[in-house]
Amino acid sequence: MINRFIKYIGKNFGNPRGIGGNISTKIMNIINKKLYSVVLNNLKLEPNNIILDIGFGNGYLIRNIFKKNIPIKVYGIEISNDMLKKVSKAEKQNILNGKLNLLLENINKTSLENNIFDRICTINTIYFWDNLEVCFSEIKRILKPNGIFLNTIYTKEYLDKIIYTKYGFNKYTVEEIIKITNENGMKIFETIEIVKNKSYCIICKSI
């Protein structure tokens, strides 16, 4: 019974839905607090920037981006219809004002235009992407020249210690992520070690 529950929660990290989705996204908000902070501090937003949050979950990062009170436009993509409905309801005013556009999309192939985003960010979603090379190529396509991509991850070593990551997680070393980033036309200019040997923010520029 316990193992079944752990498996249920683990799978909900990749595609949050129902009660399990609400639980998993709340857990992510708590355990990812330092990662959110690093992303928010390094987005370096400027007026009229267009931002994309890949896998916005329950909208925690989007809410905090808007708290900066900078005139920008934010997009969010999510594979969970439940999360799309939840955040669309919570952020109804920003959507009506044209500040926010939420889409049910997968980063391996989106309907987004070429070279549209000044900043793209994602927090702990890479483990659930179908094909890293295809996904990184798509990010390169929709990112403006010299646009910035912030990718925050937990290390494979750390994730291997967590029981629910046995279900639905593809784990990578920092070196593997750096390699595939460089191979897909993005130049890494900073790798921030958030918690030693545990979590990193890899910041790169489209070239």
Protein backbone atom coordinates (compact mmCIF):
# COMPACT_ATOMS: atom_id res chain seq x y z
CA MET A 1 0.00 0.00 0.00
CA ILE A 2 2.81 2.40 0.93
CA ASN A 3 4.79 1.54 -2.20
CA ARG A 4 1.71 2.10 -4.35
CA PHE A 5 1.24 5.57 -2.82
CA ILE A 6 4.92 6.45 -3.33
CA LYS A 7 4.69 5.35 -6.96
CA TYR A 8 1.51 7.42 -7.42
CA ILE A 9 3.16 10.55 -6.02
CA GLY A 10 6.37 9.95 -7.99
CA LYS A 11 4.54 9.74 -11.30
CA ASN A 12 2.60 12.91 -10.44
CA PHE A 13 5.79 14.96 -10.38
CA GLY A 14 6.06 14.55 -14.15
CA ASN A 15 2.38 15.09 -14.97
CA PRO A 16 0.55 16.57 -11.95
CA ARG A 17 -3.15 15.77 -11.86
CA GLY A 18 -5.90 15.26 -9.32
CA ILE A 19 -5.15 15.07 -5.61
CA GLY A 20 -1.70 13.59 -6.27
CA GLY A 21 -0.88 16.53 -8.53
CA ASN A 22 -1.84 19.03 -5.87
CA ILE A 23 0.31 17.18 -3.33
CA SER A 24 3.33 16.83 -5.61
CA THR A 25 3.31 20.49 -6.71
CA LYS A 26 3.05 21.67 -3.10
CA ILE A 27 6.01 19.44 -2.23
CA MET A 28 7.94 20.92 -5.16
CA ASN A 29 7.22 24.47 -3.97
CA ILE A 30 8.74 23.61 -0.60
CA ILE A 31 11.78 21.57 -1.62
CA ASN A 32 12.60 23.83 -4.59
CA LYS A 33 12.49 27.13 -2.67
CA LYS A 34 16.23 27.80 -3.06
CA LEU A 35 16.06 26.91 -6.75
CA TYR A 36 13.18 29.33 -7.36
CA SER A 37 15.13 32.05 -5.58
CA VAL A 38 18.23 31.52 -7.75
CA VAL A 39 16.18 31.64 -10.95
CA LEU A 40 14.33 34.80 -9.89
CA ASN A 41 17.60 36.50 -8.95
CA ASN A 42 19.28 35.58 -12.24
CA LEU A 43 16.51 36.20 -14.76
CA LYS A 44 17.70 39.82 -14.97
CA LEU A 45 14.36 40.91 -16.40
CA GLU A 46 14.06 44.06 -18.47
CA PRO A 47 10.92 45.95 -19.54
CA ASN A 48 9.11 44.30 -22.48
CA ASN A 49 10.94 41.00 -22.09
CA ILE A 50 9.01 37.90 -23.14
CA ILE A 51 9.51 34.99 -20.73
CA LEU A 52 8.70 31.28 -20.91
CA ASP A 53 8.29 28.97 -17.90
CA ILE A 54 8.52 25.32 -18.99
CA GLY A 55 6.37 23.09 -16.78
CA PHE A 56 4.78 25.77 -14.63
CA GLY A 57 3.04 23.32 -12.27
CA ASN A 58 0.84 25.21 -9.83
CA GLY A 59 2.17 28.57 -11.04
CA TYR A 60 4.54 29.33 -8.15
CA LEU A 61 7.32 30.77 -10.32
CA ILE A 62 4.89 32.74 -12.49
CA ARG A 63 3.33 34.35 -9.41
CA ASN A 64 6.73 35.41 -8.15
CA ILE A 65 7.83 36.76 -11.53
CA PHE A 66 4.81 39.06 -11.57
CA LYS A 67 5.65 40.26 -8.05
CA LYS A 68 8.69 41.99 -9.54
CA ASN A 69 6.29 44.52 -11.14
CA ILE A 70 8.25 44.77 -14.38
CA PRO A 71 6.24 45.28 -17.60
CA ILE A 72 6.86 41.94 -19.29
CA LYS A 73 4.86 39.18 -20.94
CA VAL A 74 4.98 35.67 -19.53
CA TYR A 75 4.19 32.39 -21.28
CA GLY A 76 3.86 29.07 -19.54
CA ILE A 77 3.65 25.59 -21.01
CA GLU A 78 2.48 22.51 -19.13
CA ILE A 79 1.56 18.94 -20.09
CA SER A 80 -0.95 18.68 -17.23
CA ASN A 81 -4.44 19.84 -18.13
CA ASP A 82 -5.29 19.93 -14.42
CA MET A 83 -2.49 22.42 -13.72
CA LEU A 84 -3.43 24.47 -16.79
CA LYS A 85 -6.99 24.84 -15.48
CA LYS A 86 -5.82 25.55 -11.93
CA VAL A 87 -3.36 28.31 -12.87
CA SER A 88 -5.63 29.79 -15.55
CA LYS A 89 -8.27 30.30 -12.86
CA ALA A 90 -5.83 31.75 -10.34
CA GLU A 91 -4.21 34.07 -12.91
CA LYS A 92 -7.37 35.03 -14.76
CA GLN A 93 -6.72 38.77 -14.48
CA ASN A 94 -3.18 38.59 -15.87
CA ILE A 95 -4.50 36.47 -18.77
CA LEU A 96 -7.29 38.97 -19.49
CA ASN A 97 -4.78 41.83 -19.35
CA GLY A 98 -2.59 40.11 -21.93
CA LYS A 99 0.29 39.68 -19.51
CA LEU A 100 0.11 35.89 -19.39
CA ASN A 101 -0.44 33.16 -21.94
CA LEU A 102 -0.74 29.57 -20.68
CA LEU A 103 -0.60 26.64 -23.09
CA LEU A 104 -1.06 22.88 -22.95
CA GLU A 105 2.18 22.01 -24.71
CA ASN A 106 5.15 19.66 -24.54
CA ILE A 107 8.63 21.17 -24.90
CA ASN A 108 9.63 18.44 -27.36
CA LYS A 109 7.44 20.15 -29.98
CA THR A 110 5.61 23.41 -29.42
CA SER A 111 3.41 25.68 -31.53
CA LEU A 112 5.49 28.70 -30.49
CA GLU A 113 7.15 31.03 -33.00
CA ASN A 114 10.86 31.07 -33.78
CA ASN A 115 13.05 33.46 -31.79
CA ILE A 116 10.27 34.75 -29.54
CA PHE A 117 11.68 34.57 -25.99
CA ASP A 118 14.23 36.75 -24.20
CA ARG A 119 14.33 34.35 -21.25
CA ILE A 120 13.34 30.71 -20.83
CA CYS A 121 13.46 28.99 -17.48
CA THR A 122 12.56 25.63 -16.03
CA ILE A 123 12.86 24.15 -12.56
CA ASN A 124 13.22 20.40 -12.16
CA THR A 125 11.32 19.37 -15.28
CA ILE A 126 14.17 17.95 -17.34
CA TYR A 127 13.76 14.49 -15.80
CA PHE A 128 10.39 14.14 -17.54
CA TRP A 129 11.33 15.25 -21.05
CA ASP A 130 10.91 12.60 -23.74
CA ASN A 131 14.08 13.27 -25.72
CA LEU A 132 16.67 15.71 -24.40
CA GLU A 133 18.26 16.49 -27.76
CA VAL A 134 14.90 17.24 -29.37
CA CYS A 135 13.81 19.36 -26.40
CA PHE A 136 17.03 21.39 -26.29
CA SER A 137 16.77 21.94 -30.03
CA GLU A 138 13.24 23.28 -29.54
CA ILE A 139 14.42 25.63 -26.79
CA LYS A 140 17.14 26.91 -29.11
CA ARG A 141 14.54 27.46 -31.86
CA ILE A 142 12.16 29.58 -29.75
CA LEU A 143 14.86 31.51 -27.88
CA LYS A 144 15.98 34.82 -29.37
CA PRO A 145 19.63 35.19 -30.42
CA ASN A 146 21.52 36.00 -27.21
CA GLY A 147 18.43 34.98 -25.23
CA ILE A 148 19.03 33.31 -21.86
CA PHE A 149 18.00 29.81 -20.75
CA LEU A 150 18.07 28.96 -17.03
CA ASN A 151 17.87 25.25 -16.28
CA THR A 152 17.76 24.18 -12.63
CA ILE A 153 18.30 20.56 -11.71
CA TYR A 154 19.04 18.14 -8.92
CA THR A 155 21.99 15.84 -9.49
CA LYS A 156 21.55 12.18 -10.34
CA GLU A 157 23.49 11.32 -7.20
CA TYR A 158 21.01 13.20 -5.02
CA LEU A 159 17.89 11.94 -6.81
CA ASP A 160 19.06 8.35 -6.47
CA LYS A 161 18.66 8.74 -2.69
CA ILE A 162 14.94 9.66 -2.94
CA ILE A 163 12.53 6.75 -3.09
CA TYR A 164 9.83 8.29 -5.31
CA THR A 165 12.35 9.13 -8.06
CA LYS A 166 12.34 5.45 -8.98
CA TYR A 167 9.07 6.15 -10.79
CA GLY A 168 9.00 8.24 -13.97
CA PHE A 169 12.32 10.09 -13.47
CA ASN A 170 15.19 10.17 -15.98
CA LYS A 171 18.25 11.29 -14.02
CA TYR A 172 21.30 13.09 -15.39
CA THR A 173 24.66 14.25 -14.18
CA VAL A 174 25.57 17.91 -14.44
CA GLU A 175 28.20 16.96 -17.00
CA GLU A 176 25.59 15.28 -19.20
CA ILE A 177 23.38 18.39 -19.14
CA ILE A 178 26.31 20.67 -19.91
CA LYS A 179 27.30 18.49 -22.86
CA ILE A 180 23.86 18.40 -24.47
CA THR A 181 23.41 22.15 -23.89
CA ASN A 182 26.61 22.94 -25.76
CA GLU A 183 25.79 20.48 -28.53
CA ASN A 184 22.52 22.30 -29.25
CA GLY A 185 23.88 25.76 -29.96
CA MET A 186 23.76 27.29 -26.49
CA LYS A 187 26.83 28.55 -24.68
CA ILE A 188 26.97 28.09 -20.92
CA PHE A 189 28.32 31.18 -19.18
CA GLU A 190 27.53 30.32 -15.57
CA THR A 191 26.87 27.19 -13.54
CA ILE A 192 25.63 28.01 -10.06
CA GLU A 193 25.99 25.35 -7.39
CA ILE A 194 22.91 26.04 -5.27
CA VAL A 195 23.48 23.31 -2.70
CA LYS A 196 26.82 21.49 -2.82
CA ASN A 197 26.66 18.26 -4.84
CA LYS A 198 22.87 18.49 -4.85
CA SER A 199 21.37 21.24 -7.02
CA TYR A 200 22.56 23.49 -9.82
CA CYS A 201 21.35 26.29 -12.07
CA ILE A 202 22.91 26.08 -15.51
CA ILE A 203 22.65 29.43 -17.31
CA CYS A 204 23.34 29.62 -21.02
CA LYS A 205 22.95 31.95 -23.97
CA SER A 206 21.65 31.17 -27.45
CA ILE A 207 24.45 31.68 -30.00
